Amino acid sequence: MRLYRLLSVLAFALGAPAAAAGSDLRPLFELHDVHTLATGPALVASVDQNLFVARDGTVVVISVNRGLLGNTPFATTIANGQATPAQLAPLNAALAAARPTRLSGVCSTELLPLGSSFRFALTWFGQTSRSSRLTVTNDGTATQSCPPGIPELIHAALELQRTVLLDPQTILNAPTCIEDHQCPAGLSCCYPCGIPGCENRCSRPAGNGHCPLLP
């Protein structure tokens, strides 16, 4: 299963310790997001990322990004974080509103700026053996319009991902980069140290949204 391959890759890449006693790594939600982002008439970024959320708030992100205007190479960011109950609440509310047991098939809606293309694969895992899956796309393959609550669910998942990536407690394995479009949403391509010779890396921006000022 893709979920367990994802966790194995993360544990290897980050040297993650064994799960803490009392943790609940039973899956809750997984989002596989493949999209090409447009700004005006131009295609500016390519994104292929996977978000996994466990019932205890464990969040795993693997994001592969590249900028299209500058034809930059692919860059991979891997993150392992812990969402608080308050941070997890909007996703749980969006799941409940979307009636996850009924998710199935392929549906269409508009989620990204005009000219963008996307394919979101959503998987909900019940507490026992139930699960459901829905693909959301604008590529012309959908057989129905998306039911109510689906855009809100995707936005809640992506906002949780952004929040966890920005958390200083999140273990972040960030790549070298040339531009911001090589980084997942929320991170910026910044100079990482206060001495010459370092390479830019995908980093958490300062409170003003810009790269940190280093001495």
N, C-alpha and C. Protein backbone atom coordinates (compact mmCIF):
# COMPACT_ATOMS: atom_id res chain seq x y z
N MET A 1 0.84 -1.19 0.00
CA MET A 1 0.00 0.00 0.00
C MET A 1 0.88 1.25 0.00
N ARG A 2 0.44 2.29 -0.72
CA ARG A 2 1.21 3.51 -0.81
C ARG A 2 1.49 4.12 0.55
N LEU A 3 0.54 4.05 1.47
CA LEU A 3 0.66 4.62 2.80
C LEU A 3 1.87 4.06 3.52
N TYR A 4 2.02 2.75 3.53
CA TYR A 4 3.10 2.15 4.28
C TYR A 4 4.44 2.34 3.60
N ARG A 5 4.47 2.39 2.28
CA ARG A 5 5.71 2.73 1.58
C ARG A 5 6.13 4.14 1.96
N LEU A 6 5.18 5.06 2.06
CA LEU A 6 5.46 6.44 2.43
C LEU A 6 6.10 6.51 3.81
N LEU A 7 5.52 5.82 4.79
CA LEU A 7 6.07 5.86 6.14
C LEU A 7 7.44 5.21 6.20
N SER A 8 7.66 4.14 5.44
CA SER A 8 8.97 3.49 5.43
C SER A 8 10.03 4.41 4.86
N VAL A 9 9.70 5.09 3.76
CA VAL A 9 10.65 6.03 3.16
C VAL A 9 11.00 7.14 4.14
N LEU A 10 10.00 7.67 4.83
CA LEU A 10 10.24 8.75 5.77
C LEU A 10 11.13 8.29 6.92
N ALA A 11 10.83 7.13 7.49
CA ALA A 11 11.63 6.63 8.60
C ALA A 11 13.08 6.45 8.20
N PHE A 12 13.31 5.95 6.98
CA PHE A 12 14.68 5.77 6.49
C PHE A 12 15.36 7.10 6.27
N ALA A 13 14.65 8.06 5.62
CA ALA A 13 15.25 9.33 5.26
C ALA A 13 15.60 10.17 6.48
N LEU A 14 14.75 10.14 7.52
CA LEU A 14 14.95 11.00 8.67
C LEU A 14 15.55 10.27 9.86
N GLY A 15 15.73 8.97 9.75
CA GLY A 15 16.20 8.22 10.89
C GLY A 15 15.22 8.31 12.04
N ALA A 16 13.92 8.26 11.73
CA ALA A 16 12.90 8.48 12.74
C ALA A 16 12.95 7.41 13.81
N PRO A 17 12.83 7.80 15.10
CA PRO A 17 12.81 6.82 16.18
C PRO A 17 11.51 6.04 16.18
N ALA A 18 11.46 5.00 16.94
CA ALA A 18 10.23 4.22 17.06
C ALA A 18 9.12 5.10 17.63
N ALA A 19 7.88 4.75 17.29
CA ALA A 19 6.75 5.55 17.74
C ALA A 19 6.70 5.58 19.26
N ALA A 20 6.37 6.75 19.80
CA ALA A 20 6.30 6.91 21.24
C ALA A 20 5.15 6.09 21.80
N ALA A 21 5.32 5.66 23.06
CA ALA A 21 4.27 4.89 23.72
C ALA A 21 3.00 5.73 23.77
N GLY A 22 1.88 5.08 23.46
CA GLY A 22 0.61 5.78 23.51
C GLY A 22 0.23 6.48 22.22
N SER A 23 1.11 6.51 21.23
CA SER A 23 0.77 7.15 19.96
C SER A 23 -0.22 6.27 19.19
N ASP A 24 -0.98 6.92 18.33
CA ASP A 24 -2.01 6.22 17.55
C ASP A 24 -1.75 6.51 16.08
N LEU A 25 -0.96 5.65 15.45
CA LEU A 25 -0.59 5.85 14.05
C LEU A 25 -1.59 5.22 13.09
N ARG A 26 -2.77 4.84 13.58
CA ARG A 26 -3.79 4.39 12.64
C ARG A 26 -4.11 5.52 11.68
N PRO A 27 -4.25 5.22 10.39
CA PRO A 27 -4.44 6.29 9.40
C PRO A 27 -5.80 6.94 9.53
N LEU A 28 -5.83 8.23 9.25
CA LEU A 28 -7.08 8.99 9.20
C LEU A 28 -7.37 9.48 7.79
N PHE A 29 -6.35 10.08 7.15
CA PHE A 29 -6.59 10.74 5.86
C PHE A 29 -5.28 10.80 5.09
N GLU A 30 -5.41 10.64 3.78
CA GLU A 30 -4.25 10.76 2.89
C GLU A 30 -4.67 11.54 1.66
N LEU A 31 -3.81 12.44 1.24
CA LEU A 31 -4.07 13.25 0.04
C LEU A 31 -2.85 13.18 -0.87
N HIS A 32 -3.06 12.68 -2.10
CA HIS A 32 -2.02 12.72 -3.12
C HIS A 32 -2.39 13.81 -4.10
N ASP A 33 -1.54 14.81 -4.20
CA ASP A 33 -1.82 16.04 -4.94
C ASP A 33 -0.81 16.18 -6.07
N VAL A 34 -1.29 16.12 -7.30
CA VAL A 34 -0.46 16.37 -8.48
C VAL A 34 -1.08 17.54 -9.23
N HIS A 35 -0.36 18.65 -9.33
CA HIS A 35 -0.93 19.79 -10.06
C HIS A 35 0.15 20.62 -10.73
N THR A 36 -0.27 21.33 -11.75
CA THR A 36 0.55 22.33 -12.42
C THR A 36 -0.12 23.67 -12.21
N LEU A 37 0.59 24.59 -11.61
CA LEU A 37 0.01 25.87 -11.20
C LEU A 37 0.23 26.93 -12.25
N ALA A 38 -0.85 27.66 -12.58
CA ALA A 38 -0.76 28.75 -13.54
C ALA A 38 -0.95 30.09 -12.82
N THR A 39 -0.23 31.08 -13.30
CA THR A 39 -0.43 32.47 -12.88
C THR A 39 -0.61 33.29 -14.14
N GLY A 40 -1.85 33.78 -14.36
CA GLY A 40 -2.13 34.43 -15.64
C GLY A 40 -2.00 33.40 -16.75
N PRO A 41 -1.36 33.75 -17.85
CA PRO A 41 -1.24 32.79 -18.96
C PRO A 41 -0.08 31.82 -18.80
N ALA A 42 0.75 31.99 -17.77
CA ALA A 42 1.97 31.20 -17.66
C ALA A 42 1.82 30.06 -16.66
N LEU A 43 2.39 28.91 -16.99
CA LEU A 43 2.51 27.80 -16.05
C LEU A 43 3.79 28.03 -15.25
N VAL A 44 3.66 28.08 -13.91
CA VAL A 44 4.79 28.52 -13.09
C VAL A 44 5.39 27.42 -12.22
N ALA A 45 4.63 26.38 -11.88
CA ALA A 45 5.16 25.39 -10.94
C ALA A 45 4.53 24.02 -11.17
N SER A 46 5.32 22.99 -10.91
CA SER A 46 4.86 21.60 -10.96
C SER A 46 4.99 21.02 -9.55
N VAL A 47 3.92 20.39 -9.06
CA VAL A 47 3.88 19.85 -7.70
C VAL A 47 3.37 18.42 -7.73
N ASP A 48 4.08 17.53 -7.03
CA ASP A 48 3.63 16.15 -6.82
C ASP A 48 3.91 15.84 -5.36
N GLN A 49 2.87 15.82 -4.53
CA GLN A 49 3.10 15.68 -3.10
C GLN A 49 2.09 14.75 -2.45
N ASN A 50 2.52 14.18 -1.32
CA ASN A 50 1.66 13.28 -0.57
C ASN A 50 1.60 13.74 0.88
N LEU A 51 0.38 13.85 1.40
CA LEU A 51 0.14 14.22 2.79
C LEU A 51 -0.53 13.04 3.48
N PHE A 52 0.05 12.59 4.59
CA PHE A 52 -0.54 11.53 5.40
C PHE A 52 -0.82 12.08 6.79
N VAL A 53 -2.02 11.81 7.31
CA VAL A 53 -2.41 12.26 8.65
C VAL A 53 -2.88 11.05 9.44
N ALA A 54 -2.27 10.82 10.61
CA ALA A 54 -2.69 9.74 11.50
C ALA A 54 -3.70 10.26 12.51
N ARG A 55 -4.35 9.35 13.20
CA ARG A 55 -5.40 9.73 14.15
C ARG A 55 -4.86 10.51 15.34
N ASP A 56 -3.58 10.34 15.68
CA ASP A 56 -3.03 11.09 16.80
C ASP A 56 -2.45 12.44 16.38
N GLY A 57 -2.62 12.82 15.10
CA GLY A 57 -2.12 14.09 14.61
C GLY A 57 -0.74 14.02 13.97
N THR A 58 -0.14 12.83 13.91
CA THR A 58 1.12 12.69 13.18
C THR A 58 0.88 13.06 11.72
N VAL A 59 1.76 13.90 11.19
CA VAL A 59 1.65 14.36 9.80
C VAL A 59 2.96 14.08 9.08
N VAL A 60 2.86 13.44 7.93
CA VAL A 60 4.01 13.15 7.09
C VAL A 60 3.78 13.79 5.72
N VAL A 61 4.78 14.53 5.25
CA VAL A 61 4.68 15.20 3.94
C VAL A 61 5.88 14.81 3.11
N ILE A 62 5.65 14.39 1.89
CA ILE A 62 6.72 14.24 0.89
C ILE A 62 6.29 15.05 -0.33
N SER A 63 7.06 16.06 -0.67
CA SER A 63 6.66 16.99 -1.73
C SER A 63 7.80 17.15 -2.75
N VAL A 64 7.46 16.92 -4.01
CA VAL A 64 8.42 17.08 -5.11
C VAL A 64 7.96 18.28 -5.95
N ASN A 65 8.82 19.29 -6.06
CA ASN A 65 8.44 20.55 -6.70
C ASN A 65 9.50 21.01 -7.68
N ARG A 66 9.04 21.74 -8.69
CA ARG A 66 9.99 22.40 -9.59
C ARG A 66 9.33 23.65 -10.17
N GLY A 67 10.15 24.65 -10.48
CA GLY A 67 9.66 25.84 -11.15
C GLY A 67 9.70 25.65 -12.65
N LEU A 68 8.66 26.11 -13.34
CA LEU A 68 8.58 25.92 -14.78
C LEU A 68 9.12 27.10 -15.56
N LEU A 69 8.97 28.31 -15.03
CA LEU A 69 9.46 29.48 -15.76
C LEU A 69 10.98 29.46 -15.87
N GLY A 70 11.63 29.09 -14.77
CA GLY A 70 13.09 29.02 -14.78
C GLY A 70 13.63 27.66 -15.14
N ASN A 71 12.73 26.70 -15.42
CA ASN A 71 13.11 25.34 -15.76
C ASN A 71 14.07 24.76 -14.72
N THR A 72 13.73 24.95 -13.44
CA THR A 72 14.58 24.45 -12.36
C THR A 72 14.39 22.96 -12.18
N PRO A 73 15.37 22.27 -11.58
CA PRO A 73 15.25 20.83 -11.39
C PRO A 73 14.26 20.49 -10.29
N PHE A 74 13.83 19.21 -10.25
CA PHE A 74 12.97 18.73 -9.18
C PHE A 74 13.71 18.83 -7.84
N ALA A 75 12.97 19.18 -6.78
CA ALA A 75 13.51 19.23 -5.43
C ALA A 75 12.53 18.53 -4.51
N THR A 76 13.04 17.70 -3.59
CA THR A 76 12.19 16.91 -2.70
C THR A 76 12.31 17.41 -1.26
N THR A 77 11.18 17.71 -0.66
CA THR A 77 11.10 18.08 0.76
C THR A 77 10.37 16.96 1.50
N ILE A 78 10.94 16.52 2.62
CA ILE A 78 10.33 15.49 3.45
C ILE A 78 10.17 16.06 4.86
N ALA A 79 8.98 15.92 5.43
CA ALA A 79 8.71 16.48 6.75
C ALA A 79 7.92 15.50 7.60
N ASN A 80 8.21 15.51 8.89
CA ASN A 80 7.50 14.68 9.86
C ASN A 80 7.15 15.57 11.04
N GLY A 81 5.85 15.82 11.25
CA GLY A 81 5.42 16.73 12.29
C GLY A 81 4.26 16.19 13.10
N GLN A 82 3.82 16.99 14.07
CA GLN A 82 2.74 16.60 14.96
C GLN A 82 1.75 17.75 15.07
N ALA A 83 0.55 17.54 14.54
CA ALA A 83 -0.49 18.56 14.63
C ALA A 83 -1.13 18.51 16.02
N THR A 84 -1.44 19.67 16.57
CA THR A 84 -2.16 19.73 17.83
C THR A 84 -3.64 19.42 17.58
N PRO A 85 -4.39 19.08 18.64
CA PRO A 85 -5.83 18.87 18.45
C PRO A 85 -6.51 20.06 17.80
N ALA A 86 -6.11 21.28 18.16
CA ALA A 86 -6.73 22.47 17.56
C ALA A 86 -6.40 22.57 16.08
N GLN A 87 -5.18 22.20 15.70
CA GLN A 87 -4.80 22.25 14.28
C GLN A 87 -5.49 21.15 13.49
N LEU A 88 -5.75 20.03 14.13
CA LEU A 88 -6.39 18.90 13.45
C LEU A 88 -7.91 19.09 13.33
N ALA A 89 -8.48 19.93 14.19
CA ALA A 89 -9.93 20.08 14.25
C ALA A 89 -10.55 20.51 12.92
N PRO A 90 -10.00 21.50 12.18
CA PRO A 90 -10.62 21.88 10.90
C PRO A 90 -10.67 20.75 9.89
N LEU A 91 -9.63 19.91 9.86
CA LEU A 91 -9.66 18.76 8.94
C LEU A 91 -10.74 17.78 9.35
N ASN A 92 -10.85 17.49 10.65
CA ASN A 92 -11.89 16.58 11.11
C ASN A 92 -13.29 17.12 10.81
N ALA A 93 -13.47 18.43 10.99
CA ALA A 93 -14.77 19.05 10.69
C ALA A 93 -15.08 18.96 9.20
N ALA A 94 -14.07 19.22 8.36
CA ALA A 94 -14.27 19.14 6.91
C ALA A 94 -14.56 17.71 6.47
N LEU A 95 -13.91 16.73 7.09
CA LEU A 95 -14.19 15.33 6.79
C LEU A 95 -15.64 14.99 7.13
N ALA A 96 -16.08 15.42 8.32
CA ALA A 96 -17.45 15.12 8.73
C ALA A 96 -18.45 15.75 7.77
N ALA A 97 -18.20 16.99 7.35
CA ALA A 97 -19.12 17.68 6.44
C ALA A 97 -19.16 17.02 5.07
N ALA A 98 -18.05 16.43 4.65
CA ALA A 98 -17.97 15.79 3.33
C ALA A 98 -18.55 14.38 3.33
N ARG A 99 -18.97 13.87 4.51
CA ARG A 99 -19.55 12.53 4.63
C ARG A 99 -18.62 11.50 3.98
N PRO A 100 -17.48 11.23 4.62
CA PRO A 100 -16.41 10.47 3.97
C PRO A 100 -16.78 9.06 3.57
N THR A 101 -17.75 8.43 4.25
CA THR A 101 -18.10 7.06 3.88
C THR A 101 -18.68 6.97 2.47
N ARG A 102 -19.12 8.10 1.92
CA ARG A 102 -19.73 8.11 0.59
C ARG A 102 -18.77 8.55 -0.52
N LEU A 103 -17.53 8.79 -0.19
CA LEU A 103 -16.57 9.23 -1.20
C LEU A 103 -16.29 8.09 -2.18
N SER A 104 -16.43 8.37 -3.47
CA SER A 104 -16.11 7.35 -4.47
C SER A 104 -16.06 8.00 -5.85
N GLY A 105 -15.39 7.35 -6.77
CA GLY A 105 -15.37 7.78 -8.16
C GLY A 105 -14.43 8.92 -8.44
N VAL A 106 -14.74 9.62 -9.54
CA VAL A 106 -13.94 10.76 -10.01
C VAL A 106 -14.89 11.93 -10.21
N CYS A 107 -14.58 13.07 -9.62
CA CYS A 107 -15.47 14.23 -9.75
C CYS A 107 -14.67 15.46 -10.17
N SER A 108 -15.39 16.47 -10.63
CA SER A 108 -14.75 17.69 -11.12
C SER A 108 -15.21 18.89 -10.31
N THR A 109 -14.30 19.83 -10.13
CA THR A 109 -14.60 21.11 -9.50
C THR A 109 -13.46 22.06 -9.87
N GLU A 110 -13.54 23.30 -9.46
CA GLU A 110 -12.46 24.25 -9.69
C GLU A 110 -11.82 24.61 -8.36
N LEU A 111 -10.52 24.41 -8.27
CA LEU A 111 -9.81 24.63 -7.02
C LEU A 111 -8.63 25.58 -7.16
N LEU A 112 -8.00 25.60 -8.33
CA LEU A 112 -6.77 26.37 -8.53
C LEU A 112 -7.02 27.46 -9.56
N PRO A 113 -6.11 28.43 -9.69
CA PRO A 113 -6.30 29.51 -10.65
C PRO A 113 -6.52 29.01 -12.08
N LEU A 114 -7.24 29.79 -12.86
CA LEU A 114 -7.55 29.44 -14.24
C LEU A 114 -6.28 29.11 -15.01
N GLY A 115 -6.32 28.01 -15.76
CA GLY A 115 -5.16 27.56 -16.52
C GLY A 115 -4.37 26.47 -15.83
N SER A 116 -4.60 26.28 -14.52
CA SER A 116 -3.93 25.22 -13.77
C SER A 116 -4.59 23.88 -14.08
N SER A 117 -3.84 22.81 -13.91
CA SER A 117 -4.40 21.47 -14.01
C SER A 117 -4.09 20.72 -12.72
N PHE A 118 -5.01 19.84 -12.30
CA PHE A 118 -4.78 19.17 -11.03
C PHE A 118 -5.49 17.82 -10.99
N ARG A 119 -4.99 16.98 -10.09
CA ARG A 119 -5.60 15.69 -9.80
C ARG A 119 -5.30 15.38 -8.33
N PHE A 120 -6.33 15.44 -7.49
CA PHE A 120 -6.21 15.16 -6.07
C PHE A 120 -6.85 13.80 -5.78
N ALA A 121 -6.09 12.89 -5.20
CA ALA A 121 -6.63 11.59 -4.78
C ALA A 121 -6.78 11.61 -3.27
N LEU A 122 -8.03 11.53 -2.79
CA LEU A 122 -8.35 11.59 -1.37
C LEU A 122 -8.67 10.19 -0.87
N THR A 123 -8.12 9.83 0.27
CA THR A 123 -8.45 8.55 0.90
C THR A 123 -8.78 8.80 2.37
N TRP A 124 -9.95 8.33 2.78
CA TRP A 124 -10.35 8.38 4.19
C TRP A 124 -10.29 6.96 4.75
N PHE A 125 -9.74 6.85 5.98
CA PHE A 125 -9.64 5.56 6.65
C PHE A 125 -10.52 5.58 7.90
N GLY A 126 -11.43 4.62 8.02
CA GLY A 126 -12.25 4.50 9.21
C GLY A 126 -11.45 3.91 10.36
N GLN A 127 -12.07 3.83 11.53
CA GLN A 127 -11.37 3.34 12.72
C GLN A 127 -11.16 1.84 12.68
N THR A 128 -11.92 1.12 11.85
CA THR A 128 -11.74 -0.32 11.76
C THR A 128 -11.20 -0.69 10.39
N SER A 129 -12.04 -1.25 9.54
CA SER A 129 -11.57 -1.71 8.23
C SER A 129 -12.17 -0.93 7.07
N ARG A 130 -12.98 0.07 7.35
CA ARG A 130 -13.62 0.81 6.26
C ARG A 130 -12.68 1.86 5.70
N SER A 131 -12.82 2.13 4.43
CA SER A 131 -12.09 3.23 3.79
C SER A 131 -12.88 3.67 2.57
N SER A 132 -12.59 4.87 2.08
CA SER A 132 -13.23 5.35 0.86
C SER A 132 -12.26 6.24 0.12
N ARG A 133 -12.45 6.33 -1.20
CA ARG A 133 -11.51 7.06 -2.04
C ARG A 133 -12.27 7.89 -3.08
N LEU A 134 -11.73 9.06 -3.34
CA LEU A 134 -12.31 9.96 -4.34
C LEU A 134 -11.19 10.68 -5.06
N THR A 135 -11.29 10.78 -6.37
CA THR A 135 -10.35 11.57 -7.16
C THR A 135 -11.04 12.84 -7.64
N VAL A 136 -10.38 13.97 -7.44
CA VAL A 136 -10.90 15.28 -7.83
C VAL A 136 -9.98 15.84 -8.90
N THR A 137 -10.54 16.20 -10.06
CA THR A 137 -9.69 16.64 -11.15
C THR A 137 -10.43 17.60 -12.07
N ASN A 138 -9.65 18.33 -12.86
CA ASN A 138 -10.23 19.16 -13.93
C ASN A 138 -9.68 18.75 -15.29
N ASP A 139 -9.22 17.48 -15.38
CA ASP A 139 -8.56 17.04 -16.62
C ASP A 139 -9.54 16.45 -17.65
N GLY A 140 -10.84 16.52 -17.37
CA GLY A 140 -11.83 16.04 -18.33
C GLY A 140 -12.23 14.60 -18.17
N THR A 141 -11.67 13.89 -17.18
CA THR A 141 -11.99 12.48 -17.00
C THR A 141 -13.10 12.26 -15.97
N ALA A 142 -13.55 13.31 -15.30
CA ALA A 142 -14.55 13.15 -14.24
C ALA A 142 -15.90 12.78 -14.84
N THR A 143 -16.65 11.98 -14.08
CA THR A 143 -17.98 11.56 -14.51
C THR A 143 -19.09 12.30 -13.77
N GLN A 144 -18.74 13.17 -12.83
CA GLN A 144 -19.73 13.88 -12.03
C GLN A 144 -19.11 15.14 -11.44
N SER A 145 -19.94 16.06 -11.01
CA SER A 145 -19.47 17.21 -10.24
C SER A 145 -19.23 16.76 -8.81
N CYS A 146 -18.29 17.40 -8.15
CA CYS A 146 -17.96 16.99 -6.79
C CYS A 146 -19.11 17.30 -5.83
N PRO A 147 -19.36 16.42 -4.87
CA PRO A 147 -20.42 16.69 -3.88
C PRO A 147 -20.03 17.83 -2.96
N PRO A 148 -20.98 18.40 -2.24
CA PRO A 148 -20.68 19.50 -1.33
C PRO A 148 -19.62 19.12 -0.30
N GLY A 149 -18.78 20.09 0.03
CA GLY A 149 -17.78 19.89 1.07
C GLY A 149 -16.43 19.42 0.58
N ILE A 150 -16.32 18.99 -0.67
CA ILE A 150 -15.04 18.46 -1.15
C ILE A 150 -13.99 19.56 -1.32
N PRO A 151 -14.29 20.70 -1.94
CA PRO A 151 -13.27 21.76 -2.01
C PRO A 151 -12.79 22.18 -0.62
N GLU A 152 -13.73 22.29 0.32
CA GLU A 152 -13.36 22.68 1.68
C GLU A 152 -12.47 21.63 2.35
N LEU A 153 -12.71 20.36 2.05
CA LEU A 153 -11.88 19.30 2.61
C LEU A 153 -10.46 19.39 2.08
N ILE A 154 -10.31 19.60 0.79
CA ILE A 154 -8.97 19.72 0.21
C ILE A 154 -8.26 20.94 0.77
N HIS A 155 -8.96 22.06 0.86
CA HIS A 155 -8.32 23.26 1.42
C HIS A 155 -7.91 23.04 2.87
N ALA A 156 -8.74 22.35 3.66
CA ALA A 156 -8.39 22.07 5.06
C ALA A 156 -7.14 21.20 5.15
N ALA A 157 -7.03 20.20 4.26
CA ALA A 157 -5.86 19.33 4.27
C ALA A 157 -4.60 20.10 3.89
N LEU A 158 -4.68 20.94 2.87
CA LEU A 158 -3.50 21.70 2.45
C LEU A 158 -3.11 22.75 3.48
N GLU A 159 -4.09 23.31 4.18
CA GLU A 159 -3.77 24.27 5.23
C GLU A 159 -3.11 23.58 6.42
N LEU A 160 -3.56 22.37 6.76
CA LEU A 160 -2.89 21.60 7.81
C LEU A 160 -1.45 21.30 7.41
N GLN A 161 -1.24 20.92 6.16
CA GLN A 161 0.12 20.66 5.68
C GLN A 161 0.99 21.90 5.84
N ARG A 162 0.49 23.05 5.41
CA ARG A 162 1.26 24.29 5.51
C ARG A 162 1.58 24.63 6.97
N THR A 163 0.59 24.46 7.85
CA THR A 163 0.79 24.77 9.26
C THR A 163 1.88 23.90 9.86
N VAL A 164 1.86 22.61 9.56
CA VAL A 164 2.86 21.70 10.11
C VAL A 164 4.24 21.99 9.54
N LEU A 165 4.32 22.30 8.25
CA LEU A 165 5.63 22.63 7.67
C LEU A 165 6.25 23.85 8.33
N LEU A 166 5.41 24.81 8.73
CA LEU A 166 5.92 26.04 9.34
C LEU A 166 6.24 25.88 10.82
N ASP A 167 5.84 24.78 11.43
CA ASP A 167 6.08 24.56 12.86
C ASP A 167 7.57 24.27 13.09
N PRO A 168 8.25 25.03 13.95
CA PRO A 168 9.68 24.77 14.20
C PRO A 168 9.96 23.40 14.79
N GLN A 169 8.93 22.75 15.39
CA GLN A 169 9.14 21.43 15.96
C GLN A 169 9.09 20.32 14.91
N THR A 170 8.63 20.63 13.72
CA THR A 170 8.57 19.63 12.65
C THR A 170 9.97 19.29 12.16
N ILE A 171 10.25 18.01 12.02
CA ILE A 171 11.52 17.57 11.44
C ILE A 171 11.45 17.80 9.94
N LEU A 172 12.32 18.66 9.45
CA LEU A 172 12.25 19.09 8.05
C LEU A 172 13.55 18.71 7.34
N ASN A 173 13.43 17.87 6.35
CA ASN A 173 14.56 17.50 5.50
C ASN A 173 14.37 18.26 4.19
N ALA A 174 15.04 19.43 4.09
CA ALA A 174 14.76 20.36 3.00
C ALA A 174 15.88 20.34 1.97
N PRO A 175 15.54 20.48 0.69
CA PRO A 175 16.54 20.42 -0.37
C PRO A 175 17.21 21.77 -0.62
N THR A 176 18.32 21.74 -1.33
CA THR A 176 18.85 22.97 -1.89
C THR A 176 17.91 23.44 -2.99
N CYS A 177 17.92 24.73 -3.26
CA CYS A 177 16.95 25.28 -4.20
C CYS A 177 17.52 26.52 -4.89
N ILE A 178 16.82 26.91 -5.96
CA ILE A 178 17.16 28.11 -6.71
C ILE A 178 16.05 29.14 -6.60
N GLU A 179 14.80 28.66 -6.48
CA GLU A 179 13.66 29.56 -6.41
C GLU A 179 12.57 28.97 -5.53
N ASP A 180 11.61 29.81 -5.13
CA ASP A 180 10.56 29.39 -4.20
C ASP A 180 9.70 28.26 -4.75
N HIS A 181 9.51 28.19 -6.08
CA HIS A 181 8.63 27.17 -6.64
C HIS A 181 9.20 25.76 -6.50
N GLN A 182 10.44 25.63 -6.04
CA GLN A 182 10.99 24.31 -5.74
C GLN A 182 10.65 23.85 -4.32
N CYS A 183 9.94 24.68 -3.59
CA CYS A 183 9.58 24.40 -2.19
C CYS A 183 8.07 24.24 -2.07
N PRO A 184 7.60 23.41 -1.14
CA PRO A 184 6.16 23.30 -0.93
C PRO A 184 5.58 24.59 -0.38
N ALA A 185 4.28 24.78 -0.54
CA ALA A 185 3.61 26.01 -0.11
C ALA A 185 3.87 26.26 1.37
N GLY A 186 4.27 27.48 1.69
CA GLY A 186 4.60 27.86 3.05
C GLY A 186 6.08 28.05 3.26
N LEU A 187 6.92 27.33 2.51
CA LEU A 187 8.36 27.46 2.63
C LEU A 187 8.90 28.36 1.53
N SER A 188 10.07 28.93 1.78
CA SER A 188 10.72 29.82 0.83
C SER A 188 12.15 29.35 0.58
N CYS A 189 12.69 29.70 -0.57
CA CYS A 189 14.07 29.37 -0.90
C CYS A 189 14.96 30.46 -0.31
N CYS A 190 15.69 30.13 0.77
CA CYS A 190 16.44 31.14 1.53
C CYS A 190 17.88 30.72 1.73
N TYR A 191 18.75 31.72 1.96
CA TYR A 191 20.12 31.45 2.35
C TYR A 191 20.12 30.96 3.78
N PRO A 192 20.70 29.79 4.08
CA PRO A 192 20.47 29.15 5.38
C PRO A 192 21.47 29.49 6.49
N CYS A 193 22.54 30.23 6.18
CA CYS A 193 23.54 30.47 7.22
C CYS A 193 24.09 31.88 7.09
N GLY A 194 24.86 32.30 8.09
CA GLY A 194 25.36 33.66 8.12
C GLY A 194 26.76 33.82 7.57
N ILE A 195 27.25 32.83 6.84
CA ILE A 195 28.59 32.91 6.27
C ILE A 195 28.53 32.60 4.78
N PRO A 196 29.52 33.10 4.00
CA PRO A 196 29.54 32.79 2.57
C PRO A 196 29.78 31.30 2.34
N GLY A 197 29.28 30.80 1.20
CA GLY A 197 29.55 29.44 0.79
C GLY A 197 28.42 28.47 0.99
N CYS A 198 27.36 28.86 1.71
CA CYS A 198 26.21 27.98 1.87
C CYS A 198 25.37 28.00 0.59
N GLU A 199 24.51 26.99 0.44
CA GLU A 199 23.58 26.94 -0.68
C GLU A 199 22.18 27.23 -0.17
N ASN A 200 21.37 27.93 -0.98
CA ASN A 200 19.99 28.19 -0.61
C ASN A 200 19.25 26.87 -0.37
N ARG A 201 18.35 26.90 0.63
CA ARG A 201 17.53 25.73 0.94
C ARG A 201 16.09 26.16 1.17
N CYS A 202 15.16 25.22 0.96
CA CYS A 202 13.77 25.47 1.32
C CYS A 202 13.69 25.63 2.83
N SER A 203 13.20 26.77 3.29
CA SER A 203 13.27 27.14 4.70
C SER A 203 11.96 27.75 5.16
N ARG A 204 11.78 27.76 6.48
CA ARG A 204 10.64 28.48 7.06
C ARG A 204 10.93 29.97 7.02
N PRO A 205 10.04 30.77 6.47
CA PRO A 205 10.29 32.21 6.42
C PRO A 205 10.16 32.82 7.82
N ALA A 206 10.65 34.05 7.96
CA ALA A 206 10.51 34.78 9.21
C ALA A 206 9.06 35.23 9.37
N GLY A 207 8.77 35.88 10.50
CA GLY A 207 7.41 36.30 10.80
C GLY A 207 6.82 37.24 9.77
N ASN A 208 7.66 37.98 9.04
CA ASN A 208 7.17 38.90 8.03
C ASN A 208 6.94 38.23 6.68
N GLY A 209 7.13 36.91 6.62
CA GLY A 209 6.93 36.18 5.39
C GLY A 209 8.12 36.17 4.46
N HIS A 210 9.20 36.86 4.84
CA HIS A 210 10.41 36.91 4.02
C HIS A 210 11.49 36.02 4.62
N CYS A 211 12.56 35.80 3.88
CA CYS A 211 13.66 34.98 4.39
C CYS A 211 14.25 35.63 5.64
N PRO A 212 14.67 34.81 6.61
CA PRO A 212 15.24 35.37 7.84
C PRO A 212 16.50 36.20 7.53
N LEU A 213 16.66 37.27 8.30
CA LEU A 213 17.88 38.08 8.20
C LEU A 213 18.94 37.43 9.08
N LEU A 214 20.02 37.03 8.48
CA LEU A 214 21.09 36.35 9.21
C LEU A 214 22.24 37.31 9.49
N PRO A 215 22.88 37.18 10.66
CA PRO A 215 23.99 38.08 10.98
C PRO A 215 25.19 37.83 10.09
